[in-house]
N, C-alpha and C. Protein backbone atom coordinates (compact mmCIF):
# COMPACT_ATOMS: atom_id res chain seq x y z
N MET A 1 -7.37 9.24 -4.50
CA MET A 1 -6.60 9.75 -4.02
C MET A 1 -5.15 9.90 -4.95
N SER A 2 -4.94 10.60 -5.62
CA SER A 2 -4.53 11.58 -6.51
C SER A 2 -2.91 10.57 -6.76
N GLY A 3 -2.62 9.99 -5.29
CA GLY A 3 -0.45 9.61 -5.16
C GLY A 3 -0.63 9.34 -5.43
N ILE A 4 0.61 7.58 -4.51
CA ILE A 4 1.34 7.84 -3.75
C ILE A 4 2.35 6.94 -3.78
N LYS A 5 3.26 7.35 -2.67
CA LYS A 5 4.17 6.83 -2.97
C LYS A 5 5.15 5.68 -2.31
N ILE A 6 5.74 4.53 -2.97
CA ILE A 6 6.03 3.55 -1.94
C ILE A 6 7.64 2.81 -2.65
N GLU A 7 8.74 3.04 -1.74
CA GLU A 7 10.13 3.50 -2.12
C GLU A 7 9.88 3.73 -2.97
N GLU A 8 10.56 3.33 -3.74
CA GLU A 8 10.16 4.10 -5.74
C GLU A 8 9.87 4.28 -6.49
N PHE A 9 7.80 3.59 -6.00
CA PHE A 9 7.04 2.76 -6.71
C PHE A 9 5.95 4.18 -6.91
N GLN A 10 6.09 5.16 -7.99
CA GLN A 10 4.63 6.07 -7.94
C GLN A 10 3.21 6.01 -8.12
N LEU A 11 2.21 5.08 -7.72
CA LEU A 11 0.56 4.55 -8.19
C LEU A 11 0.09 6.04 -7.82
N ASN A 12 -0.30 6.24 -9.11
CA ASN A 12 -1.46 7.17 -8.91
C ASN A 12 -3.18 7.17 -9.67
N ASN A 13 -3.78 7.96 -9.22
CA ASN A 13 -5.23 7.56 -9.66
C ASN A 13 -6.63 5.91 -8.56
N PHE A 14 -6.19 6.14 -7.11
CA PHE A 14 -6.81 4.98 -5.98
C PHE A 14 -7.36 5.72 -5.54
N THR A 15 -9.37 4.78 -5.41
CA THR A 15 -9.93 4.59 -4.39
C THR A 15 -9.17 4.44 -2.54
N ILE A 16 -9.23 5.69 -1.77
CA ILE A 16 -9.08 4.56 -0.80
C ILE A 16 -10.50 4.47 0.22
N GLN A 17 -10.80 3.84 1.54
CA GLN A 17 -11.19 3.57 1.98
C GLN A 17 -11.44 4.15 3.35
N LEU A 18 -11.72 5.25 3.60
CA LEU A 18 -11.58 5.47 5.08
C LEU A 18 -12.24 4.46 6.31
N GLY A 19 -10.13 4.53 7.37
CA GLY A 19 -11.33 3.78 8.94
C GLY A 19 -9.75 4.59 10.26
N ASP A 20 -10.82 4.41 11.59
CA ASP A 20 -9.43 4.61 12.57
C ASP A 20 -9.17 3.23 12.65
N VAL A 21 -8.42 3.17 12.25
CA VAL A 21 -7.47 1.41 12.55
C VAL A 21 -6.47 1.99 14.42
N ARG A 22 -5.64 2.69 13.38
CA ARG A 22 -4.24 3.67 14.92
C ARG A 22 -5.07 2.64 16.37
N GLU A 23 -6.33 2.90 16.69
CA GLU A 23 -6.87 2.80 17.59
C GLU A 23 -6.99 0.89 18.47
N MET A 24 -7.92 0.42 17.88
CA MET A 24 -7.43 -0.48 17.34
C MET A 24 -6.11 -1.56 17.07
N HIS A 25 -5.28 -1.41 16.24
CA HIS A 25 -4.73 -1.99 15.69
C HIS A 25 -2.63 -1.22 15.84
N GLY A 26 -3.09 0.30 15.76
CA GLY A 26 -1.68 0.59 16.11
C GLY A 26 -0.94 0.73 15.23
N PHE A 27 -1.24 0.82 14.37
CA PHE A 27 -0.92 1.37 12.55
C PHE A 27 -1.89 2.83 11.71
N ASP A 28 -1.24 3.12 10.84
CA ASP A 28 -1.65 4.33 10.51
C ASP A 28 -3.20 3.77 9.41
N GLY A 29 -2.41 2.55 8.06
CA GLY A 29 -3.37 2.40 7.22
C GLY A 29 -2.60 1.02 7.14
N ILE A 30 -4.23 0.46 5.41
CA ILE A 30 -3.98 -0.82 5.12
C ILE A 30 -3.71 -0.71 4.34
N ILE A 31 -3.04 -1.72 2.75
CA ILE A 31 -2.93 -1.53 1.70
C ILE A 31 -2.83 -3.14 1.05
N GLY A 32 -3.55 -3.80 1.02
CA GLY A 32 -4.63 -4.60 -0.06
C GLY A 32 -3.73 -5.48 -1.23
N SER A 33 -3.42 -6.64 -0.83
CA SER A 33 -2.77 -7.38 -2.40
C SER A 33 -3.04 -6.85 -2.67
N ASP A 34 -4.34 -6.51 -3.20
CA ASP A 34 -5.18 -6.74 -4.38
C ASP A 34 -4.66 -4.73 -4.99
N PHE A 35 -4.97 -3.73 -4.69
CA PHE A 35 -3.92 -3.20 -4.68
C PHE A 35 -2.04 -3.03 -5.05
N PHE A 36 -1.62 -4.06 -4.72
CA PHE A 36 -0.45 -4.05 -5.33
C PHE A 36 -0.61 -5.32 -6.33
N LEU A 37 -1.50 -6.20 -6.30
CA LEU A 37 -0.98 -6.66 -8.02
C LEU A 37 -1.98 -5.73 -9.00
N ALA A 38 -3.09 -4.69 -8.83
CA ALA A 38 -3.00 -4.05 -10.21
C ALA A 38 -2.18 -3.39 -10.15
N ASN A 39 -1.01 -2.86 -9.38
CA ASN A 39 0.02 -2.56 -10.02
C ASN A 39 1.04 -3.35 -10.47
N LYS A 40 1.22 -4.27 -10.14
CA LYS A 40 1.93 -5.04 -10.45
C LYS A 40 3.63 -4.55 -9.82
N LEU A 41 3.39 -5.09 -7.86
CA LEU A 41 4.09 -5.33 -7.65
C LEU A 41 4.18 -6.85 -6.76
N ASN A 42 5.39 -6.93 -6.28
CA ASN A 42 5.12 -7.98 -5.28
C ASN A 42 5.78 -7.65 -4.32
N ILE A 43 5.47 -8.12 -2.81
CA ILE A 43 6.89 -7.69 -1.12
C ILE A 43 7.24 -8.87 -1.39
N ASP A 44 9.30 -8.76 -1.29
CA ASP A 44 9.17 -9.58 -0.49
C ASP A 44 9.15 -9.59 1.41
N PHE A 45 8.94 -10.38 2.10
CA PHE A 45 8.14 -10.04 2.64
C PHE A 45 9.69 -10.37 4.22
N GLU A 46 10.21 -11.43 3.53
CA GLU A 46 11.68 -12.02 3.53
C GLU A 46 12.83 -10.51 3.68
N ASN A 47 13.33 -9.46 3.10
CA ASN A 47 13.78 -8.62 2.87
C ASN A 47 13.16 -7.39 3.13
N MET A 48 12.03 -7.23 3.69
CA MET A 48 11.00 -6.16 4.12
C MET A 48 10.72 -5.10 2.57
N GLU A 49 10.69 -5.60 1.74
CA GLU A 49 10.84 -4.35 -0.01
C GLU A 49 9.99 -5.06 -1.25
N VAL A 50 9.07 -4.14 -1.59
CA VAL A 50 9.16 -3.33 -3.03
C VAL A 50 8.99 -3.18 -4.53
N ARG A 51 8.90 -4.55 -4.63
CA ARG A 51 9.31 -4.35 -5.80
C ARG A 51 8.97 -4.40 -7.59
N LYS A 52 8.67 -4.37 -8.75
CA LYS A 52 8.60 -4.44 -9.34
C LYS A 52 7.39 -5.70 -10.14
């Protein structure tokens, strides 16, 4: 994929794996923790925010 924007963070050039999670799990996709680590992003679950 050429890019995605999460909050104010633009992330470029990464590989995605396609699969059907909506029917089974009820959401559109999963972004793994390895993706956040590679891009030096943190997830604040208490405040539901993504930070660098």
